Amino acid sequence: MNSQNKQRLHALMVKANLDTVVIKQLLEQHTKRKYSIRTVQAWAADSSKASSRECPEWVLENLEQIVDAKN
């Protein structure tokens, strides 16, 4: 079962039509830090996958700000 943060991430991805590459680019622009595509894919991966990682709250907060600013 997906965690609440993964559900929020997937909802943002659908709402703003974002994929993992775009999320990586947006976060890098917004936070001025580098992220690997693999890290973003792990945040978005189904919780049942071994490569899945919890999506940090700060990622969601930044993405929500970015998406809200674009609307």
C-alpha atoms as a PDB file:
ATOM      1  CA  MET A   1       0.000   0.000   0.000  1.00  0.00           C
ATOM      2  CA  ASN A   2       1.267   3.463  -0.836  1.00  0.00           C
ATOM      3  CA  SER A   3       2.134   5.877   1.911  1.00  0.00           C
ATOM      4  CA  GLN A   4       0.320   9.175   2.238  1.00  0.00           C
ATOM      5  CA  ASN A   5       3.319  11.057   0.808  1.00  0.00           C
ATOM      6  CA  LYS A   6       3.483   8.763  -2.227  1.00  0.00           C
ATOM      7  CA  GLN A   7      -0.241   9.306  -2.774  1.00  0.00           C
ATOM      8  CA  ARG A   8       0.269  13.076  -2.586  1.00  0.00           C
ATOM      9  CA  LEU A   9       3.180  12.846  -5.029  1.00  0.00           C
ATOM     10  CA  HIS A  10       1.132  10.820  -7.502  1.00  0.00           C
ATOM     11  CA  ALA A  11      -1.804  13.225  -7.167  1.00  0.00           C
ATOM     12  CA  LEU A  12       0.509  16.162  -7.947  1.00  0.00           C
ATOM     13  CA  MET A  13       1.955  14.281 -10.913  1.00  0.00           C
ATOM     14  CA  VAL A  14      -1.522  13.723 -12.340  1.00  0.00           C
ATOM     15  CA  LYS A  15      -2.840  17.205 -11.508  1.00  0.00           C
ATOM     16  CA  ALA A  16       0.103  19.015 -13.117  1.00  0.00           C
ATOM     17  CA  ASN A  17       0.881  16.377 -15.766  1.00  0.00           C
ATOM     18  CA  LEU A  18       4.403  15.834 -14.411  1.00  0.00           C
ATOM     19  CA  ASP A  19       6.742  12.915 -14.939  1.00  0.00           C
ATOM     20  CA  THR A  20       9.848  12.072 -12.932  1.00  0.00           C
ATOM     21  CA  VAL A  21      12.193  13.914 -15.315  1.00  0.00           C
ATOM     22  CA  VAL A  22      10.160  17.121 -15.049  1.00  0.00           C
ATOM     23  CA  ILE A  23       9.950  16.784 -11.255  1.00  0.00           C
ATOM     24  CA  LYS A  24      13.737  16.442 -11.103  1.00  0.00           C
ATOM     25  CA  GLN A  25      14.191  19.558 -13.234  1.00  0.00           C
ATOM     26  CA  LEU A  26      11.652  21.610 -11.278  1.00  0.00           C
ATOM     27  CA  LEU A  27      13.169  20.660  -7.924  1.00  0.00           C
ATOM     28  CA  GLU A  28      16.674  21.479  -9.148  1.00  0.00           C
ATOM     29  CA  GLN A  29      15.537  24.896 -10.355  1.00  0.00           C
ATOM     30  CA  HIS A  30      13.582  25.620  -7.185  1.00  0.00           C
ATOM     31  CA  THR A  31      16.061  24.339  -4.582  1.00  0.00           C
ATOM     32  CA  LYS A  32      19.348  24.952  -6.449  1.00  0.00           C
ATOM     33  CA  ARG A  33      20.415  21.382  -5.594  1.00  0.00           C
ATOM     34  CA  LYS A  34      21.100  18.386  -7.838  1.00  0.00           C
ATOM     35  CA  TYR A  35      18.951  15.245  -7.761  1.00  0.00           C
ATOM     36  CA  SER A  36      19.393  12.003  -9.640  1.00  0.00           C
ATOM     37  CA  ILE A  37      16.545  10.745 -11.769  1.00  0.00           C
ATOM     38  CA  ARG A  38      16.859   7.479  -9.843  1.00  0.00           C
ATOM     39  CA  THR A  39      16.091   9.287  -6.574  1.00  0.00           C
ATOM     40  CA  VAL A  40      12.925  10.810  -8.012  1.00  0.00           C
ATOM     41  CA  GLN A  41      11.917   7.452  -9.508  1.00  0.00           C
ATOM     42  CA  ALA A  42      12.387   5.828  -6.089  1.00  0.00           C
ATOM     43  CA  TRP A  43      10.082   8.430  -4.516  1.00  0.00           C
ATOM     44  CA  ALA A  44       7.428   7.690  -7.141  1.00  0.00           C
ATOM     45  CA  ALA A  45       7.853   3.896  -7.163  1.00  0.00           C
ATOM     46  CA  ASP A  46       5.159   1.651  -5.761  1.00  0.00           C
ATOM     47  CA  SER A  47       5.805   0.861  -2.098  1.00  0.00           C
ATOM     48  CA  SER A  48       5.951  -2.862  -2.856  1.00  0.00           C
ATOM     49  CA  LYS A  49       9.090  -2.402  -4.988  1.00  0.00           C
ATOM     50  CA  ALA A  50      12.486  -2.945  -3.356  1.00  0.00           C
ATOM     51  CA  SER A  51      13.767   0.312  -4.867  1.00  0.00           C
ATOM     52  CA  SER A  52      10.924   2.369  -3.394  1.00  0.00           C
ATOM     53  CA  ARG A  53      11.862   5.174  -1.012  1.00  0.00           C
ATOM     54  CA  GLU A  54       9.644   7.418   1.080  1.00  0.00           C
ATOM     55  CA  CYS A  55       9.012  10.782  -0.551  1.00  0.00           C
ATOM     56  CA  PRO A  56      10.219  13.488   1.858  1.00  0.00           C
ATOM     57  CA  GLU A  57       7.738  16.087   3.065  1.00  0.00           C
ATOM     58  CA  TRP A  58       9.980  18.933   1.833  1.00  0.00           C
ATOM     59  CA  VAL A  59       9.767  17.560  -1.718  1.00  0.00           C
ATOM     60  CA  LEU A  60       5.982  17.692  -1.633  1.00  0.00           C
ATOM     61  CA  GLU A  61       5.951  21.177  -0.127  1.00  0.00           C
ATOM     62  CA  ASN A  62       8.286  22.455  -2.859  1.00  0.00           C
ATOM     63  CA  LEU A  63       6.336  20.755  -5.645  1.00  0.00           C
ATOM     64  CA  GLU A  64       3.039  22.109  -4.322  1.00  0.00           C
ATOM     65  CA  GLN A  65       4.502  25.633  -4.312  1.00  0.00           C
ATOM     66  CA  ILE A  66       5.787  25.180  -7.869  1.00  0.00           C
ATOM     67  CA  VAL A  67       2.490  23.786  -9.173  1.00  0.00           C
ATOM     68  CA  ASP A  68       0.434  26.473  -7.396  1.00  0.00           C
ATOM     69  CA  ALA A  69       2.670  29.221  -8.808  1.00  0.00           C
ATOM     70  CA  LYS A  70       2.153  27.906 -12.342  1.00  0.00           C
ATOM     71  CA  ASN A  71      -1.656  28.025 -11.998  1.00  0.00           C
END
